[in-house]
C-alpha atoms as a PDB file:
ATOM      1  CA  MET A   1     -42.052 -82.959  10.156  1.00  0.00           C
ATOM      2  CA  ARG A   2     -42.021 -85.490  12.977  1.00  0.00           C
ATOM      3  CA  TYR A   3     -39.137 -85.522  15.438  1.00  0.00           C
ATOM      4  CA  MET A   4     -38.336 -88.961  16.837  1.00  0.00           C
ATOM      5  CA  CYS A   5     -36.367 -89.452  20.027  1.00  0.00           C
ATOM      6  CA  ARG A   6     -32.814 -90.630  19.279  1.00  0.00           C
ATOM      7  CA  ARG A   7     -32.728 -92.874  22.357  1.00  0.00           C
ATOM      8  CA  CYS A   8     -36.021 -94.682  22.391  1.00  0.00           C
ATOM      9  CA  SER A   9     -37.194 -93.984  18.796  1.00  0.00           C
ATOM     10  CA  PHE A  10     -40.712 -94.227  20.126  1.00  0.00           C
ATOM     11  CA  ARG A  11     -41.834 -90.927  21.573  1.00  0.00           C
ATOM     12  CA  LEU A  12     -41.892 -87.697  19.698  1.00  0.00           C
ATOM     13  CA  ALA A  13     -39.234 -85.202  20.638  1.00  0.00           C
ATOM     14  CA  GLU A  14     -39.908 -81.481  20.663  1.00  0.00           C
ATOM     15  CA  GLU A  15     -38.760 -79.412  17.752  1.00  0.00           C
ATOM     16  CA  GLY A  16     -35.049 -78.669  18.100  1.00  0.00           C
ATOM     17  CA  ARG A  17     -34.510 -81.402  20.737  1.00  0.00           C
ATOM     18  CA  TRP A  18     -32.900 -84.811  20.258  1.00  0.00           C
ATOM     19  CA  HIS A  19     -34.663 -86.681  23.051  1.00  0.00           C
ATOM     20  CA  CYS A  20     -38.183 -86.888  24.438  1.00  0.00           C
ATOM     21  CA  THR A  21     -38.935 -85.597  27.943  1.00  0.00           C
ATOM     22  CA  GLU A  22     -38.789 -89.092  29.485  1.00  0.00           C
ATOM     23  CA  CYS A  23     -35.383 -89.925  27.982  1.00  0.00           C
ATOM     24  CA  ARG A  24     -33.984 -86.512  28.987  1.00  0.00           C
ATOM     25  CA  LYS A  25     -34.504 -87.503  32.631  1.00  0.00           C
ATOM     26  CA  LEU A  26     -32.160 -90.492  32.283  1.00  0.00           C
ATOM     27  CA  CYS A  27     -28.413 -90.651  32.758  1.00  0.00           C
ATOM     28  CA  THR A  28     -26.513 -89.994  29.522  1.00  0.00           C
ATOM     29  CA  LEU A  29     -24.082 -92.873  30.190  1.00  0.00           C
ATOM     30  CA  CYS A  30     -26.180 -95.793  31.415  1.00  0.00           C
ATOM     31  CA  ASN A  31     -29.623 -94.665  30.143  1.00  0.00           C
ATOM     32  CA  GLN A  32     -31.249 -96.422  33.088  1.00  0.00           C
ATOM     33  CA  ARG A  33     -31.185 -94.387  36.291  1.00  0.00           C
ATOM     34  CA  PRO A  34     -32.435 -90.814  36.611  1.00  0.00           C
ATOM     35  CA  HIS A  35     -29.617 -88.298  36.557  1.00  0.00           C
ATOM     36  CA  ALA A  36     -28.600 -86.160  39.503  1.00  0.00           C
ATOM     37  CA  ARG A  37     -29.933 -82.632  39.713  1.00  0.00           C
ATOM     38  CA  ASN A  38     -28.131 -80.212  37.356  1.00  0.00           C
ATOM     39  CA  HIS A  39     -25.850 -82.976  36.102  1.00  0.00           C
ATOM     40  CA  PRO A  40     -26.186 -85.202  33.019  1.00  0.00           C
ATOM     41  CA  HIS A  41     -25.078 -88.382  34.821  1.00  0.00           C
ATOM     42  CA  CYS A  42     -26.545 -90.385  37.704  1.00  0.00           C
ATOM     43  CA  LYS A  43     -24.632 -90.543  40.992  1.00  0.00           C
ATOM     44  CA  GLU A  44     -23.158 -93.967  40.294  1.00  0.00           C
ATOM     45  CA  CYS A  45     -21.881 -93.039  36.815  1.00  0.00           C
ATOM     46  CA  LYS A  46     -20.495 -89.740  38.094  1.00  0.00           C
ATOM     47  CA  ARG A  47     -18.718 -91.557  40.942  1.00  0.00           C
ATOM     48  CA  ASP A  48     -17.168 -94.070  38.527  1.00  0.00           C
ATOM     49  CA  TYR A  49     -16.101 -91.296  36.160  1.00  0.00           C
ATOM     50  CA  MET A  50     -14.482 -89.255  38.952  1.00  0.00           C
ATOM     51  CA  ARG A  51     -12.597 -92.299  40.283  1.00  0.00           C
ATOM     52  CA  GLN A  52     -11.216 -93.001  36.828  1.00  0.00           C
ATOM     53  CA  HIS A  53     -10.362 -89.311  36.279  1.00  0.00           C
ATOM     54  CA  ARG A  54      -8.511 -89.073  39.607  1.00  0.00           C
ATOM     55  CA  MET A  55      -6.462 -92.174  38.789  1.00  0.00           C
ATOM     56  CA  GLU A  56      -5.501 -90.817  35.361  1.00  0.00           C
ATOM     57  CA  ASN A  57      -4.857 -87.263  36.629  1.00  0.00           C
ATOM     58  CA  PRO A  58      -3.309 -87.365  40.104  1.00  0.00           C
ATOM     59  CA  ARG A  59      -3.045 -84.095  41.995  1.00  0.00           C
ATOM     60  CA  ASN A  60       0.332 -82.617  42.642  1.00  0.00           C
ATOM     61  CA  ALA A  61       1.496 -81.406  46.047  1.00  0.00           C
ATOM     62  CA  GLU A  62       1.287 -77.724  45.086  1.00  0.00           C
ATOM     63  CA  ASP A  63      -2.422 -77.943  44.196  1.00  0.00           C
ATOM     64  CA  ALA A  64      -3.183 -79.820  47.415  1.00  0.00           C
ATOM     65  CA  ALA A  65      -1.308 -77.212  49.507  1.00  0.00           C
ATOM     66  CA  ARG A  66      -3.159 -74.363  47.767  1.00  0.00           C
ATOM     67  CA  ASP A  67      -6.541 -75.997  48.420  1.00  0.00           C
ATOM     68  CA  ARG A  68      -5.667 -76.596  52.083  1.00  0.00           C
ATOM     69  CA  ALA A  69      -4.650 -72.936  52.488  1.00  0.00           C
ATOM     70  CA  VAL A  70      -7.844 -71.636  50.857  1.00  0.00           C
ATOM     71  CA  ASN A  71     -10.064 -73.962  52.903  1.00  0.00           C
ATOM     72  CA  LEU A  72      -8.316 -73.008  56.145  1.00  0.00           C
ATOM     73  CA  ILE A  73      -8.657 -69.258  55.498  1.00  0.00           C
ATOM     74  CA  ASN A  74     -12.355 -69.664  54.633  1.00  0.00           C
ATOM     75  CA  THR A  75     -12.899 -71.704  57.803  1.00  0.00           C
ATOM     76  CA  TRP A  76     -11.182 -69.057  59.946  1.00  0.00           C
ATOM     77  CA  ILE A  77     -13.305 -66.307  58.382  1.00  0.00           C
ATOM     78  CA  ARG A  78     -16.510 -68.296  58.863  1.00  0.00           C
ATOM     79  CA  ARG A  79     -15.682 -69.064  62.523  1.00  0.00           C
ATOM     80  CA  GLY A  80     -14.670 -65.471  63.259  1.00  0.00           C
ATOM     81  CA  HIS A  81     -10.960 -66.120  63.947  1.00  0.00           C
ATOM     82  CA  MET A  82      -9.972 -63.873  61.029  1.00  0.00           C
ATOM     83  CA  LYS A  83     -11.734 -60.992  59.309  1.00  0.00           C
ATOM     84  CA  ARG A  84     -11.744 -60.447  55.586  1.00  0.00           C
ATOM     85  CA  GLY A  85      -9.531 -57.461  54.858  1.00  0.00           C
ATOM     86  CA  ASP A  86      -9.860 -54.696  52.305  1.00  0.00           C
ATOM     87  CA  CYS A  87      -7.925 -54.577  49.056  1.00  0.00           C
ATOM     88  CA  ILE A  88      -4.394 -53.308  49.716  1.00  0.00           C
ATOM     89  CA  VAL A  89      -4.604 -50.851  46.799  1.00  0.00           C
ATOM     90  CA  LYS A  90      -5.665 -47.426  48.051  1.00  0.00           C
ATOM     91  CA  GLY A  91      -8.980 -46.227  46.716  1.00  0.00           C
ATOM     92  CA  CYS A  92     -10.184 -49.689  45.790  1.00  0.00           C
ATOM     93  CA  GLU A  93     -13.510 -50.483  47.449  1.00  0.00           C
ATOM     94  CA  GLU A  94     -14.158 -53.932  45.940  1.00  0.00           C
ATOM     95  CA  LYS A  95     -14.512 -57.133  47.962  1.00  0.00           C
ATOM     96  CA  ALA A  96     -11.089 -58.633  48.637  1.00  0.00           C
ATOM     97  CA  CYS A  97      -9.797 -62.185  48.224  1.00  0.00           C
ATOM     98  CA  ALA A  98      -6.959 -63.807  50.138  1.00  0.00           C
ATOM     99  CA  TYR A  99      -3.679 -64.103  48.227  1.00  0.00           C
ATOM    100  CA  HIS A 100      -0.886 -66.356  49.491  1.00  0.00           C
ATOM    101  CA  LYS A 101       2.621 -65.651  48.277  1.00  0.00           C
ATOM    102  CA  ASN A 102       3.663 -68.922  49.862  1.00  0.00           C
ATOM    103  CA  VAL A 103       0.892 -71.483  50.406  1.00  0.00           C
ATOM    104  CA  ASN A 104       2.983 -73.310  52.997  1.00  0.00           C
ATOM    105  CA  VAL A 105       2.691 -70.285  55.317  1.00  0.00           C
ATOM    106  CA  VAL A 106      -1.092 -70.222  55.622  1.00  0.00           C
ATOM    107  CA  THR A 107      -1.242 -67.360  58.119  1.00  0.00           C
ATOM    108  CA  ASP A 108       0.567 -64.940  55.758  1.00  0.00           C
ATOM    109  CA  VAL A 109      -2.262 -63.435  53.673  1.00  0.00           C
ATOM    110  CA  THR A 110      -2.414 -60.387  51.403  1.00  0.00           C
ATOM    111  CA  TRP A 111      -5.893 -59.105  50.569  1.00  0.00           C
ATOM    112  CA  LEU A 112      -6.543 -58.132  46.952  1.00  0.00           C
ATOM    113  CA  CYS A 113      -9.726 -57.610  44.945  1.00  0.00           C
ATOM    114  CA  ARG A 114     -10.256 -59.858  41.927  1.00  0.00           C
ATOM    115  CA  ARG A 115      -8.992 -57.255  39.460  1.00  0.00           C
ATOM    116  CA  HIS A 116      -5.741 -56.607  41.338  1.00  0.00           C
ATOM    117  CA  LEU A 117      -5.330 -60.310  42.113  1.00  0.00           C
ATOM    118  CA  ARG A 118      -5.522 -61.042  38.386  1.00  0.00           C
ATOM    119  CA  MET A 119      -2.871 -58.365  37.765  1.00  0.00           C
ATOM    120  CA  MET A 120      -0.638 -59.848  40.476  1.00  0.00           C
ATOM    121  CA  ARG A 121      -0.924 -63.393  39.094  1.00  0.00           C
ATOM    122  CA  SER A 122      -0.338 -62.299  35.504  1.00  0.00           C
ATOM    123  CA  GLY A 123       2.983 -60.797  36.558  1.00  0.00           C
ATOM    124  CA  LEU A 124       2.096 -57.141  36.001  1.00  0.00           C
ATOM    125  CA  GLY A 125       2.577 -56.427  39.677  1.00  0.00           C
ATOM    126  CA  ALA A 126       2.432 -52.631  39.228  1.00  0.00           C
ATOM    127  CA  PHE A 127      -0.929 -51.278  40.350  1.00  0.00           C
ATOM    128  CA  HIS A 128      -2.663 -48.131  39.163  1.00  0.00           C
ATOM    129  CA  GLY A 129      -2.529 -46.495  42.556  1.00  0.00           C
ATOM    130  CA  ASP A 130      -0.755 -46.611  45.872  1.00  0.00           C
ATOM    131  CA  VAL A 131      -0.473 -49.775  47.873  1.00  0.00           C
ATOM    132  CA  SER A 132      -1.437 -49.146  51.460  1.00  0.00           C
ATOM    133  CA  GLY A 133       0.683 -51.990  52.793  1.00  0.00           C
ATOM    134  CA  LYS A 134      -2.183 -53.681  54.631  1.00  0.00           C
ATOM    135  CA  HIS A 135      -1.077 -57.188  55.337  1.00  0.00           C
ATOM    136  CA  THR A 136      -2.803 -59.695  57.608  1.00  0.00           C
ATOM    137  CA  GLN A 137      -1.212 -62.350  59.681  1.00  0.00           C
ATOM    138  CA  ARG A 138      -3.344 -64.465  61.978  1.00  0.00           C
ATOM    139  CA  LYS A 139      -2.188 -64.406  65.555  1.00  0.00           C
ATOM    140  CA  ARG A 140      -2.020 -67.730  67.351  1.00  0.00           C
ATOM    141  CA  SER A 141      -4.218 -67.800  70.440  1.00  0.00           C
ATOM    142  CA  GLU A 142      -2.378 -68.433  73.682  1.00  0.00           C
ATOM    143  CA  PRO A 143      -3.387 -71.585  75.589  1.00  0.00           C
END
């Protein structure tokens, strides 16, 4: 059986594929420009799509505050102003993530591993072990 490309109807497609190798390199929206690496659309089509998506789905203030807090903590860790803490649950040796109870107070961080962070966010709150009470607050440097 011969497999024809669904875009160009000229070249043969491989068995189990809809498009030939040349057409697979093109953007899925405009079919003209080559697509960006690891993305089905070219840069221009992706840009237009994201602009339209942002206009239809505006961000709320809570999401923006959360993103600012996460970016600031990651910047402080990368620059050496803050060190990543250990999970506050005793006996837990996994890599910890920063958890903000209030994203407006960026310096107030509790360190939890992914498993305990998931438990905290789901509302379980009770951990299978003691909580050591480790809590990090970044100290402001004096001028």
